[in-house]
Amino acid sequence: MCVRSARVLTVILTGVCKVGTGLGPTLEFYALVSREMQNVELDLWRGDPVKRTELRDDGHTYVFSPAGLFPAPLARNAKMSHVNKIKSKFRFLGKFMAKALMDSRMVSST
């Protein structure tokens, strides 16, 4: 780890133009971010594209794999700009998962 802190801070969210603070909006935030990280347009995961409609029909397509999520392979001749974009997305995902673990939050990955 590059950065360490002596204090541990917990994420607690408040919505703009929404009533409520605390656990409810915070859990919804973790659920929405984890769902959006499975979006097909991000090109992060191997799997079949599936439209999810259990929450709402937002028109987005997500990656689903019955064996779990695995990173999509990159071509040997992939442009460095594309590789750097994918690396930054996985770096964000790592920080997101670390914060979820520190806050004892469940993050959906299917």
PDB file of N, CA and C in Angstrom:
ATOM      1  N   MET A   1       0.850  -1.177   0.000  1.00  0.00           N
ATOM      2  CA  MET A   1       0.000   0.000   0.000  1.00  0.00           C
ATOM      3  C   MET A   1       0.893   1.236   0.000  1.00  0.00           C
ATOM      4  N   CYS A   2       0.526   2.181  -0.824  1.00  0.00           N
ATOM      5  CA  CYS A   2       1.282   3.421  -0.910  1.00  0.00           C
ATOM      6  C   CYS A   2       0.912   4.377   0.213  1.00  0.00           C
ATOM      7  N   VAL A   3      -0.353   4.384   0.600  1.00  0.00           N
ATOM      8  CA  VAL A   3      -0.834   5.342   1.574  1.00  0.00           C
ATOM      9  C   VAL A   3      -1.434   4.589   2.748  1.00  0.00           C
ATOM     10  N   ARG A   4      -1.013   4.960   3.944  1.00  0.00           N
ATOM     11  CA  ARG A   4      -1.570   4.345   5.155  1.00  0.00           C
ATOM     12  C   ARG A   4      -2.027   5.443   6.084  1.00  0.00           C
ATOM     13  N   SER A   5      -2.986   5.125   6.895  1.00  0.00           N
ATOM     14  CA  SER A   5      -3.511   6.092   7.834  1.00  0.00           C
ATOM     15  C   SER A   5      -3.632   5.449   9.197  1.00  0.00           C
ATOM     16  N   ALA A   6      -3.453   6.246  10.221  1.00  0.00           N
ATOM     17  CA  ALA A   6      -3.598   5.751  11.580  1.00  0.00           C
ATOM     18  C   ALA A   6      -5.066   5.619  11.957  1.00  0.00           C
ATOM     19  N   ARG A   7      -5.934   6.387  11.266  1.00  0.00           N
ATOM     20  CA  ARG A   7      -7.363   6.346  11.564  1.00  0.00           C
ATOM     21  C   ARG A   7      -8.113   5.623  10.451  1.00  0.00           C
ATOM     22  N   VAL A   8      -9.191   4.982  10.830  1.00  0.00           N
ATOM     23  CA  VAL A   8     -10.061   4.324   9.861  1.00  0.00           C
ATOM     24  C   VAL A   8     -11.350   5.118   9.786  1.00  0.00           C
ATOM     25  N   LEU A   9     -11.717   5.552   8.582  1.00  0.00           N
ATOM     26  CA  LEU A   9     -12.940   6.320   8.385  1.00  0.00           C
ATOM     27  C   LEU A   9     -13.979   5.440   7.712  1.00  0.00           C
ATOM     28  N   THR A  10     -15.212   5.565   8.132  1.00  0.00           N
ATOM     29  CA  THR A  10     -16.313   4.795   7.577  1.00  0.00           C
ATOM     30  C   THR A  10     -17.101   5.670   6.614  1.00  0.00           C
ATOM     31  N   VAL A  11     -17.512   5.098   5.485  1.00  0.00           N
ATOM     32  CA  VAL A  11     -18.311   5.826   4.504  1.00  0.00           C
ATOM     33  C   VAL A  11     -19.762   5.833   4.955  1.00  0.00           C
ATOM     34  N   ILE A  12     -20.332   7.028   5.068  1.00  0.00           N
ATOM     35  CA  ILE A  12     -21.760   7.202   5.349  1.00  0.00           C
ATOM     36  C   ILE A  12     -22.241   8.268   4.375  1.00  0.00           C
ATOM     37  N   LEU A  13     -23.215   7.927   3.559  1.00  0.00           N
ATOM     38  CA  LEU A  13     -23.674   8.814   2.500  1.00  0.00           C
ATOM     39  C   LEU A  13     -24.992   9.476   2.829  1.00  0.00           C
ATOM     40  N   THR A  14     -25.166  10.665   2.271  1.00  0.00           N
ATOM     41  CA  THR A  14     -26.413  11.396   2.331  1.00  0.00           C
ATOM     42  C   THR A  14     -26.776  11.771   0.912  1.00  0.00           C
ATOM     43  N   GLY A  15     -28.006  11.546   0.519  1.00  0.00           N
ATOM     44  CA  GLY A  15     -28.429  11.854  -0.842  1.00  0.00           C
ATOM     45  C   GLY A  15     -28.871  13.297  -0.987  1.00  0.00           C
ATOM     46  N   VAL A  16     -28.575  13.885  -2.139  1.00  0.00           N
ATOM     47  CA  VAL A  16     -29.048  15.217  -2.453  1.00  0.00           C
ATOM     48  C   VAL A  16     -30.479  15.090  -2.954  1.00  0.00           C
ATOM     49  N   CYS A  17     -31.358  15.893  -2.438  1.00  0.00           N
ATOM     50  CA  CYS A  17     -32.789  15.870  -2.778  1.00  0.00           C
ATOM     51  C   CYS A  17     -33.439  14.539  -2.394  1.00  0.00           C
ATOM     52  N   LYS A  18     -32.855  13.818  -1.475  1.00  0.00           N
ATOM     53  CA  LYS A  18     -33.458  12.579  -0.971  1.00  0.00           C
ATOM     54  C   LYS A  18     -33.453  12.639   0.545  1.00  0.00           C
ATOM     55  N   VAL A  19     -34.450  12.028   1.120  1.00  0.00           N
ATOM     56  CA  VAL A  19     -34.537  11.977   2.569  1.00  0.00           C
ATOM     57  C   VAL A  19     -33.791  10.747   3.044  1.00  0.00           C
ATOM     58  N   GLY A  20     -32.958  10.907   4.037  1.00  0.00           N
ATOM     59  CA  GLY A  20     -32.304   9.762   4.643  1.00  0.00           C
ATOM     60  C   GLY A  20     -30.797   9.871   4.659  1.00  0.00           C
ATOM     61  N   THR A  21     -30.236   9.363   5.729  1.00  0.00           N
ATOM     62  CA  THR A  21     -28.790   9.250   5.871  1.00  0.00           C
ATOM     63  C   THR A  21     -28.514   7.931   6.559  1.00  0.00           C
ATOM     64  N   GLY A  22     -27.255   7.582   6.605  1.00  0.00           N
ATOM     65  CA  GLY A  22     -26.879   6.401   7.355  1.00  0.00           C
ATOM     66  C   GLY A  22     -26.772   5.152   6.518  1.00  0.00           C
ATOM     67  N   LEU A  23     -27.227   4.053   7.081  1.00  0.00           N
ATOM     68  CA  LEU A  23     -27.012   2.740   6.499  1.00  0.00           C
ATOM     69  C   LEU A  23     -27.739   2.520   5.175  1.00  0.00           C
ATOM     70  N   GLY A  24     -28.976   2.967   5.033  1.00  0.00           N
ATOM     71  CA  GLY A  24     -29.758   2.727   3.821  1.00  0.00           C
ATOM     72  C   GLY A  24     -29.111   3.276   2.556  1.00  0.00           C
ATOM     73  N   PRO A  25     -28.857   4.587   2.484  1.00  0.00           N
ATOM     74  CA  PRO A  25     -28.202   5.138   1.294  1.00  0.00           C
ATOM     75  C   PRO A  25     -26.797   4.599   1.083  1.00  0.00           C
ATOM     76  N   THR A  26     -26.092   4.309   2.163  1.00  0.00           N
ATOM     77  CA  THR A  26     -24.734   3.779   2.037  1.00  0.00           C
ATOM     78  C   THR A  26     -24.745   2.396   1.398  1.00  0.00           C
ATOM     79  N   LEU A  27     -25.641   1.527   1.849  1.00  0.00           N
ATOM     80  CA  LEU A  27     -25.748   0.191   1.244  1.00  0.00           C
ATOM     81  C   LEU A  27     -26.198   0.266  -0.207  1.00  0.00           C
ATOM     82  N   GLU A  28     -27.102   1.201  -0.505  1.00  0.00           N
ATOM     83  CA  GLU A  28     -27.531   1.364  -1.894  1.00  0.00           C
ATOM     84  C   GLU A  28     -26.377   1.849  -2.765  1.00  0.00           C
ATOM     85  N   PHE A  29     -25.539   2.725  -2.240  1.00  0.00           N
ATOM     86  CA  PHE A  29     -24.364   3.188  -2.968  1.00  0.00           C
ATOM     87  C   PHE A  29     -23.443   2.021  -3.323  1.00  0.00           C
ATOM     88  N   TYR A  30     -23.133   1.180  -2.344  1.00  0.00           N
ATOM     89  CA  TYR A  30     -22.268   0.023  -2.602  1.00  0.00           C
ATOM     90  C   TYR A  30     -22.904  -0.911  -3.637  1.00  0.00           C
ATOM     91  N   ALA A  31     -24.217  -1.121  -3.547  1.00  0.00           N
ATOM     92  CA  ALA A  31     -24.898  -2.005  -4.497  1.00  0.00           C
ATOM     93  C   ALA A  31     -24.879  -1.426  -5.907  1.00  0.00           C
ATOM     94  N   LEU A  32     -25.127  -0.129  -6.037  1.00  0.00           N
ATOM     95  CA  LEU A  32     -25.152   0.495  -7.364  1.00  0.00           C
ATOM     96  C   LEU A  32     -23.769   0.536  -8.007  1.00  0.00           C
ATOM     97  N   VAL A  33     -22.751   0.838  -7.225  1.00  0.00           N
ATOM     98  CA  VAL A  33     -21.396   0.870  -7.792  1.00  0.00           C
ATOM     99  C   VAL A  33     -20.961  -0.528  -8.205  1.00  0.00           C
ATOM    100  N   SER A  34     -21.254  -1.532  -7.389  1.00  0.00           N
ATOM    101  CA  SER A  34     -20.855  -2.893  -7.755  1.00  0.00           C
ATOM    102  C   SER A  34     -21.599  -3.363  -8.995  1.00  0.00           C
ATOM    103  N   ARG A  35     -22.847  -2.953  -9.149  1.00  0.00           N
ATOM    104  CA  ARG A  35     -23.604  -3.324 -10.341  1.00  0.00           C
ATOM    105  C   ARG A  35     -23.048  -2.624 -11.578  1.00  0.00           C
ATOM    106  N   GLU A  36     -22.716  -1.355 -11.451  1.00  0.00           N
ATOM    107  CA  GLU A  36     -22.191  -0.607 -12.601  1.00  0.00           C
ATOM    108  C   GLU A  36     -20.795  -1.077 -13.005  1.00  0.00           C
ATOM    109  N   MET A  37     -20.043  -1.653 -12.079  1.00  0.00           N
ATOM    110  CA  MET A  37     -18.713  -2.182 -12.429  1.00  0.00           C
ATOM    111  C   MET A  37     -18.836  -3.440 -13.291  1.00  0.00           C
ATOM    112  N   GLN A  38     -20.037  -4.005 -13.384  1.00  0.00           N
ATOM    113  CA  GLN A  38     -20.277  -5.185 -14.219  1.00  0.00           C
ATOM    114  C   GLN A  38     -20.869  -4.811 -15.576  1.00  0.00           C
ATOM    115  N   ASN A  39     -20.901  -3.534 -15.896  1.00  0.00           N
ATOM    116  CA  ASN A  39     -21.452  -3.066 -17.164  1.00  0.00           C
ATOM    117  C   ASN A  39     -20.588  -3.563 -18.322  1.00  0.00           C
ATOM    118  N   VAL A  40     -21.227  -4.032 -19.378  1.00  0.00           N
ATOM    119  CA  VAL A  40     -20.519  -4.566 -20.543  1.00  0.00           C
ATOM    120  C   VAL A  40     -19.642  -3.504 -21.194  1.00  0.00           C
ATOM    121  N   GLU A  41     -20.098  -2.256 -21.174  1.00  0.00           N
ATOM    122  CA  GLU A  41     -19.372  -1.180 -21.838  1.00  0.00           C
ATOM    123  C   GLU A  41     -18.004  -0.903 -21.229  1.00  0.00           C
ATOM    124  N   LEU A  42     -17.756  -1.361 -20.022  1.00  0.00           N
ATOM    125  CA  LEU A  42     -16.450  -1.140 -19.383  1.00  0.00           C
ATOM    126  C   LEU A  42     -15.371  -2.072 -19.913  1.00  0.00           C
ATOM    127  N   ASP A  43     -15.751  -3.174 -20.551  1.00  0.00           N
ATOM    128  CA  ASP A  43     -14.795  -4.156 -21.110  1.00  0.00           C
ATOM    129  C   ASP A  43     -13.857  -4.729 -20.054  1.00  0.00           C
ATOM    130  N   LEU A  44     -14.379  -4.982 -18.854  1.00  0.00           N
ATOM    131  CA  LEU A  44     -13.535  -5.499 -17.774  1.00  0.00           C
ATOM    132  C   LEU A  44     -13.619  -7.008 -17.612  1.00  0.00           C
ATOM    133  N   TRP A  45     -14.757  -7.607 -17.896  1.00  0.00           N
ATOM    134  CA  TRP A  45     -15.013  -8.986 -17.497  1.00  0.00           C
ATOM    135  C   TRP A  45     -15.301  -9.894 -18.684  1.00  0.00           C
ATOM    136  N   ARG A  46     -14.969 -11.179 -18.492  1.00  0.00           N
ATOM    137  CA  ARG A  46     -15.402 -12.222 -19.427  1.00  0.00           C
ATOM    138  C   ARG A  46     -16.796 -12.643 -19.021  1.00  0.00           C
ATOM    139  N   GLY A  47     -17.585 -13.035 -19.972  1.00  0.00           N
ATOM    140  CA  GLY A  47     -18.921 -13.520 -19.642  1.00  0.00           C
ATOM    141  C   GLY A  47     -19.916 -13.139 -20.712  1.00  0.00           C
ATOM    142  N   ASP A  48     -21.148 -13.541 -20.463  1.00  0.00           N
ATOM    143  CA  ASP A  48     -22.234 -13.301 -21.415  1.00  0.00           C
ATOM    144  C   ASP A  48     -22.939 -11.990 -21.080  1.00  0.00           C
ATOM    145  N   PRO A  49     -23.217 -11.162 -22.092  1.00  0.00           N
ATOM    146  CA  PRO A  49     -24.000  -9.953 -21.832  1.00  0.00           C
ATOM    147  C   PRO A  49     -25.462 -10.293 -21.558  1.00  0.00           C
ATOM    148  N   VAL A  50     -25.999  -9.745 -20.481  1.00  0.00           N
ATOM    149  CA  VAL A  50     -27.374 -10.026 -20.060  1.00  0.00           C
ATOM    150  C   VAL A  50     -28.015  -8.710 -19.637  1.00  0.00           C
ATOM    151  N   LYS A  51     -29.272  -8.517 -20.030  1.00  0.00           N
ATOM    152  CA  LYS A  51     -30.016  -7.346 -19.551  1.00  0.00           C
ATOM    153  C   LYS A  51     -30.619  -7.683 -18.197  1.00  0.00           C
ATOM    154  N   ARG A  52     -30.381  -6.824 -17.219  1.00  0.00           N
ATOM    155  CA  ARG A  52     -30.947  -7.022 -15.887  1.00  0.00           C
ATOM    156  C   ARG A  52     -32.204  -6.199 -15.747  1.00  0.00           C
ATOM    157  N   THR A  53     -33.253  -6.836 -15.316  1.00  0.00           N
ATOM    158  CA  THR A  53     -34.526  -6.113 -15.157  1.00  0.00           C
ATOM    159  C   THR A  53     -35.138  -6.312 -13.781  1.00  0.00           C
ATOM    160  N   GLU A  54     -34.410  -6.926 -12.846  1.00  0.00           N
ATOM    161  CA  GLU A  54     -35.045  -7.189 -11.551  1.00  0.00           C
ATOM    162  C   GLU A  54     -35.265  -5.904 -10.756  1.00  0.00           C
ATOM    163  N   LEU A  55     -34.398  -4.903 -10.906  1.00  0.00           N
ATOM    164  CA  LEU A  55     -34.605  -3.656 -10.180  1.00  0.00           C
ATOM    165  C   LEU A  55     -35.388  -2.656 -11.021  1.00  0.00           C
ATOM    166  N   ARG A  56     -34.918  -2.408 -12.224  1.00  0.00           N
ATOM    167  CA  ARG A  56     -35.606  -1.526 -13.151  1.00  0.00           C
ATOM    168  C   ARG A  56     -35.015  -1.766 -14.534  1.00  0.00           C
ATOM    169  N   ASP A  57     -35.795  -1.502 -15.532  1.00  0.00           N
ATOM    170  CA  ASP A  57     -35.333  -1.693 -16.900  1.00  0.00           C
ATOM    171  C   ASP A  57     -34.658  -0.406 -17.353  1.00  0.00           C
ATOM    172  N   ASP A  58     -33.357  -0.287 -17.091  1.00  0.00           N
ATOM    173  CA  ASP A  58     -32.638   0.933 -17.429  1.00  0.00           C
ATOM    174  C   ASP A  58     -31.961   0.839 -18.793  1.00  0.00           C
ATOM    175  N   GLY A  59     -32.108  -0.282 -19.480  1.00  0.00           N
ATOM    176  CA  GLY A  59     -31.552  -0.428 -20.813  1.00  0.00           C
ATOM    177  C   GLY A  59     -30.083  -0.808 -20.843  1.00  0.00           C
ATOM    178  N   HIS A  60     -29.448  -0.935 -19.692  1.00  0.00           N
ATOM    179  CA  HIS A  60     -28.033  -1.300 -19.649  1.00  0.00           C
ATOM    180  C   HIS A  60     -27.868  -2.813 -19.729  1.00  0.00           C
ATOM    181  N   THR A  61     -26.741  -3.227 -20.270  1.00  0.00           N
ATOM    182  CA  THR A  61     -26.407  -4.641 -20.358  1.00  0.00           C
ATOM    183  C   THR A  61     -25.231  -4.910 -19.435  1.00  0.00           C
ATOM    184  N   TYR A  62     -25.326  -5.989 -18.673  1.00  0.00           N
ATOM    185  CA  TYR A  62     -24.304  -6.333 -17.693  1.00  0.00           C
ATOM    186  C   TYR A  62     -23.700  -7.687 -18.021  1.00  0.00           C
ATOM    187  N   VAL A  63     -22.524  -7.951 -17.457  1.00  0.00           N
ATOM    188  CA  VAL A  63     -21.835  -9.219 -17.684  1.00  0.00           C
ATOM    189  C   VAL A  63     -22.313 -10.226 -16.649  1.00  0.00           C
ATOM    190  N   PHE A  64     -22.602 -11.438 -17.097  1.00  0.00           N
ATOM    191  CA  PHE A  64     -22.972 -12.523 -16.192  1.00  0.00           C
ATOM    192  C   PHE A  64     -22.186 -13.767 -16.567  1.00  0.00           C
ATOM    193  N   SER A  65     -21.674 -14.438 -15.563  1.00  0.00           N
ATOM    194  CA  SER A  65     -21.002 -15.711 -15.760  1.00  0.00           C
ATOM    195  C   SER A  65     -21.349 -16.603 -14.578  1.00  0.00           C
ATOM    196  N   PRO A  66     -21.860 -17.812 -14.826  1.00  0.00           N
ATOM    197  CA  PRO A  66     -22.230 -18.685 -13.709  1.00  0.00           C
ATOM    198  C   PRO A  66     -21.033 -19.116 -12.863  1.00  0.00           C
ATOM    199  N   ALA A  67     -19.828 -19.065 -13.425  1.00  0.00           N
ATOM    200  CA  ALA A  67     -18.635 -19.467 -12.675  1.00  0.00           C
ATOM    201  C   ALA A  67     -17.991 -18.299 -11.938  1.00  0.00           C
ATOM    202  N   GLY A  68     -18.547 -17.101 -12.068  1.00  0.00           N
ATOM    203  CA  GLY A  68     -17.970 -15.925 -11.418  1.00  0.00           C
ATOM    204  C   GLY A  68     -17.347 -14.989 -12.432  1.00  0.00           C
ATOM    205  N   LEU A  69     -16.944 -13.824 -11.957  1.00  0.00           N
ATOM    206  CA  LEU A  69     -16.345 -12.828 -12.844  1.00  0.00           C
ATOM    207  C   LEU A  69     -14.834 -13.013 -12.923  1.00  0.00           C
ATOM    208  N   PHE A  70     -14.330 -12.987 -14.143  1.00  0.00           N
ATOM    209  CA  PHE A  70     -12.898 -13.054 -14.389  1.00  0.00           C
ATOM    210  C   PHE A  70     -12.527 -11.932 -15.340  1.00  0.00           C
ATOM    211  N   PRO A  71     -11.353 -11.327 -15.170  1.00  0.00           N
ATOM    212  CA  PRO A  71     -10.972 -10.226 -16.061  1.00  0.00           C
ATOM    213  C   PRO A  71     -10.900 -10.678 -17.515  1.00  0.00           C
ATOM    214  N   ALA A  72     -11.338  -9.790 -18.397  1.00  0.00           N
ATOM    215  CA  ALA A  72     -11.269 -10.069 -19.831  1.00  0.00           C
ATOM    216  C   ALA A  72      -9.811  -9.959 -20.278  1.00  0.00           C
ATOM    217  N   PRO A  73      -9.367 -10.845 -21.147  1.00  0.00           N
ATOM    218  CA  PRO A  73      -7.981 -10.769 -21.625  1.00  0.00           C
ATOM    219  C   PRO A  73      -7.784  -9.568 -22.541  1.00  0.00           C
ATOM    220  N   LEU A  74      -6.572  -9.042 -22.514  1.00  0.00           N
ATOM    221  CA  LEU A  74      -6.201  -7.939 -23.404  1.00  0.00           C
ATOM    222  C   LEU A  74      -5.352  -8.500 -24.538  1.00  0.00           C
ATOM    223  N   ALA A  75      -5.524  -7.957 -25.714  1.00  0.00           N
ATOM    224  CA  ALA A  75      -4.719  -8.392 -26.858  1.00  0.00           C
ATOM    225  C   ALA A  75      -3.269  -7.940 -26.676  1.00  0.00           C
ATOM    226  N   ARG A  76      -2.345  -8.690 -27.245  1.00  0.00           N
ATOM    227  CA  ARG A  76      -0.930  -8.320 -27.140  1.00  0.00           C
ATOM    228  C   ARG A  76      -0.652  -6.969 -27.788  1.00  0.00           C
ATOM    229  N   ASN A  77      -1.382  -6.666 -28.844  1.00  0.00           N
ATOM    230  CA  ASN A  77      -1.146  -5.415 -29.542  1.00  0.00           C
ATOM    231  C   ASN A  77      -2.132  -4.321 -29.127  1.00  0.00           C
ATOM    232  N   ALA A  78      -2.667  -4.406 -27.924  1.00  0.00           N
ATOM    233  CA  ALA A  78      -3.597  -3.391 -27.428  1.00  0.00           C
ATOM    234  C   ALA A  78      -2.861  -2.070 -27.228  1.00  0.00           C
ATOM    235  N   LYS A  79      -3.539  -0.992 -27.533  1.00  0.00           N
ATOM    236  CA  LYS A  79      -2.935   0.337 -27.373  1.00  0.00           C
ATOM    237  C   LYS A  79      -2.723   0.636 -25.898  1.00  0.00           C
ATOM    238  N   MET A  80      -1.647   1.355 -25.615  1.00  0.00           N
ATOM    239  CA  MET A  80      -1.335   1.682 -24.219  1.00  0.00           C
ATOM    240  C   MET A  80      -2.435   2.528 -23.587  1.00  0.00           C
ATOM    241  N   SER A  81      -3.095   3.371 -24.360  1.00  0.00           N
ATOM    242  CA  SER A  81      -4.171   4.184 -23.797  1.00  0.00           C
ATOM    243  C   SER A  81      -5.315   3.294 -23.312  1.00  0.00           C
ATOM    244  N   HIS A  82      -5.622   2.227 -24.072  1.00  0.00           N
ATOM    245  CA  HIS A  82      -6.678   1.295 -23.665  1.00  0.00           C
ATOM    246  C   HIS A  82      -6.237   0.508 -22.425  1.00  0.00           C
ATOM    247  N   VAL A  83      -4.994   0.061 -22.408  1.00  0.00           N
ATOM    248  CA  VAL A  83      -4.473  -0.689 -21.261  1.00  0.00           C
ATOM    249  C   VAL A  83      -4.495   0.180 -20.007  1.00  0.00           C
ATOM    250  N   ASN A  84      -4.086   1.430 -20.127  1.00  0.00           N
ATOM    251  CA  ASN A  84      -4.091   2.330 -18.976  1.00  0.00           C
ATOM    252  C   ASN A  84      -5.504   2.607 -18.478  1.00  0.00           C
ATOM    253  N   LYS A  85      -6.468   2.685 -19.395  1.00  0.00           N
ATOM    254  CA  LYS A  85      -7.858   2.889 -19.009  1.00  0.00           C
ATOM    255  C   LYS A  85      -8.378   1.699 -18.205  1.00  0.00           C
ATOM    256  N   ILE A  86      -8.067   0.492 -18.678  1.00  0.00           N
ATOM    257  CA  ILE A  86      -8.496  -0.722 -17.971  1.00  0.00           C
ATOM    258  C   ILE A  86      -7.812  -0.807 -16.608  1.00  0.00           C
ATOM    259  N   LYS A  87      -6.520  -0.493 -16.557  1.00  0.00           N
ATOM    260  CA  LYS A  87      -5.795  -0.522 -15.281  1.00  0.00           C
ATOM    261  C   LYS A  87      -6.386   0.453 -14.275  1.00  0.00           C
ATOM    262  N   SER A  88      -6.773   1.632 -14.725  1.00  0.00           N
ATOM    263  CA  SER A  88      -7.348   2.607 -13.795  1.00  0.00           C
ATOM    264  C   SER A  88      -8.699   2.134 -13.268  1.00  0.00           C
ATOM    265  N   LYS A  89      -9.474   1.441 -14.106  1.00  0.00           N
ATOM    266  CA  LYS A  89     -10.757   0.913 -13.650  1.00  0.00           C
ATOM    267  C   LYS A  89     -10.555  -0.179 -12.610  1.00  0.00           C
ATOM    268  N   PHE A  90      -9.567  -1.056 -12.810  1.00  0.00           N
ATOM    269  CA  PHE A  90      -9.298  -2.095 -11.817  1.00  0.00           C
ATOM    270  C   PHE A  90      -8.692  -1.506 -10.543  1.00  0.00           C
ATOM    271  N   ARG A  91      -7.921  -0.437 -10.675  1.00  0.00           N
ATOM    272  CA  ARG A  91      -7.386   0.234  -9.488  1.00  0.00           C
ATOM    273  C   ARG A  91      -8.525   0.809  -8.664  1.00  0.00           C
ATOM    274  N   PHE A  92      -9.497   1.449  -9.338  1.00  0.00           N
ATOM    275  CA  PHE A  92     -10.673   1.957  -8.638  1.00  0.00           C
ATOM    276  C   PHE A  92     -11.433   0.818  -7.957  1.00  0.00           C
ATOM    277  N   LEU A  93     -11.618  -0.289  -8.678  1.00  0.00           N
ATOM    278  CA  LEU A  93     -12.334  -1.432  -8.120  1.00  0.00           C
ATOM    279  C   LEU A  93     -11.619  -1.974  -6.880  1.00  0.00           C
ATOM    280  N   GLY A  94     -10.291  -2.026  -6.915  1.00  0.00           N
ATOM    281  CA  GLY A  94      -9.530  -2.484  -5.752  1.00  0.00           C
ATOM    282  C   GLY A  94      -9.715  -1.581  -4.549  1.00  0.00           C
ATOM    283  N   LYS A  95      -9.692  -0.266  -4.771  1.00  0.00           N
ATOM    284  CA  LYS A  95      -9.906   0.675  -3.669  1.00  0.00           C
ATOM    285  C   LYS A  95     -11.326   0.582  -3.140  1.00  0.00           C
ATOM    286  N   PHE A  96     -12.287   0.407  -4.056  1.00  0.00           N
ATOM    287  CA  PHE A  96     -13.688   0.266  -3.665  1.00  0.00           C
ATOM    288  C   PHE A  96     -13.880  -0.979  -2.805  1.00  0.00           C
ATOM    289  N   MET A  97     -13.310  -2.100  -3.227  1.00  0.00           N
ATOM    290  CA  MET A  97     -13.434  -3.351  -2.466  1.00  0.00           C
ATOM    291  C   MET A  97     -12.728  -3.245  -1.113  1.00  0.00           C
ATOM    292  N   ALA A  98     -11.569  -2.581  -1.090  1.00  0.00           N
ATOM    293  CA  ALA A  98     -10.854  -2.414   0.180  1.00  0.00           C
ATOM    294  C   ALA A  98     -11.683  -1.600   1.167  1.00  0.00           C
ATOM    295  N   LYS A  99     -12.305  -0.523   0.678  1.00  0.00           N
ATOM    296  CA  LYS A  99     -13.139   0.298   1.564  1.00  0.00           C
ATOM    297  C   LYS A  99     -14.359  -0.479   2.031  1.00  0.00           C
ATOM    298  N   ALA A 100     -14.938  -1.289   1.141  1.00  0.00           N
ATOM    299  CA  ALA A 100     -16.084  -2.106   1.541  1.00  0.00           C
ATOM    300  C   ALA A 100     -15.683  -3.104   2.625  1.00  0.00           C
ATOM    301  N   LEU A 101     -14.516  -3.705   2.495  1.00  0.00           N
ATOM    302  CA  LEU A 101     -14.043  -4.638   3.527  1.00  0.00           C
ATOM    303  C   LEU A 101     -13.791  -3.930   4.844  1.00  0.00           C
ATOM    304  N   MET A 102     -13.179  -2.755   4.774  1.00  0.00           N
ATOM    305  CA  MET A 102     -12.897  -2.003   6.006  1.00  0.00           C
ATOM    306  C   MET A 102     -14.184  -1.581   6.710  1.00  0.00           C
ATOM    307  N   ASP A 103     -15.248  -1.301   5.922  1.00  0.00           N
ATOM    308  CA  ASP A 103     -16.526  -0.899   6.500  1.00  0.00           C
ATOM    309  C   ASP A 103     -17.434  -2.082   6.800  1.00  0.00           C
ATOM    310  N   SER A 104     -16.960  -3.309   6.561  1.00  0.00           N
ATOM    311  CA  SER A 104     -17.750  -4.535   6.772  1.00  0.00           C
ATOM    312  C   SER A 104     -19.035  -4.526   5.951  1.00  0.00           C
ATOM    313  N   ARG A 105     -18.911  -4.144   4.681  1.00  0.00           N
ATOM    314  CA  ARG A 105     -20.054  -4.107   3.764  1.00  0.00           C
ATOM    315  C   ARG A 105     -19.991  -5.268   2.804  1.00  0.00           C
ATOM    316  N   MET A 106     -21.137  -5.788   2.416  1.00  0.00           N
ATOM    317  CA  MET A 106     -21.226  -6.836   1.405  1.00  0.00           C
ATOM    318  C   MET A 106     -21.305  -6.177   0.033  1.00  0.00           C
ATOM    319  N   VAL A 107     -20.524  -6.695  -0.914  1.00  0.00           N
ATOM    320  CA  VAL A 107     -20.533  -6.176  -2.276  1.00  0.00           C
ATOM    321  C   VAL A 107     -20.900  -7.311  -3.207  1.00  0.00           C
ATOM    322  N   SER A 108     -21.940  -7.116  -3.992  1.00  0.00           N
ATOM    323  CA  SER A 108     -22.394  -8.153  -4.926  1.00  0.00           C
ATOM    324  C   SER A 108     -21.490  -8.203  -6.130  1.00  0.00           C
ATOM    325  N   SER A 109     -21.171  -9.422  -6.580  1.00  0.00           N
ATOM    326  CA  SER A 109     -20.334  -9.561  -7.773  1.00  0.00           C
ATOM    327  C   SER A 109     -20.984 -10.451  -8.823  1.00  0.00           C
ATOM    328  N   THR A 110     -22.273 -10.717  -8.705  1.00  0.00           N
ATOM    329  CA  THR A 110     -22.945 -11.524  -9.725  1.00  0.00           C
ATOM    330  C   THR A 110     -24.173 -10.816 -10.218  1.00  0.00           C
TER     331      THR A 110
END
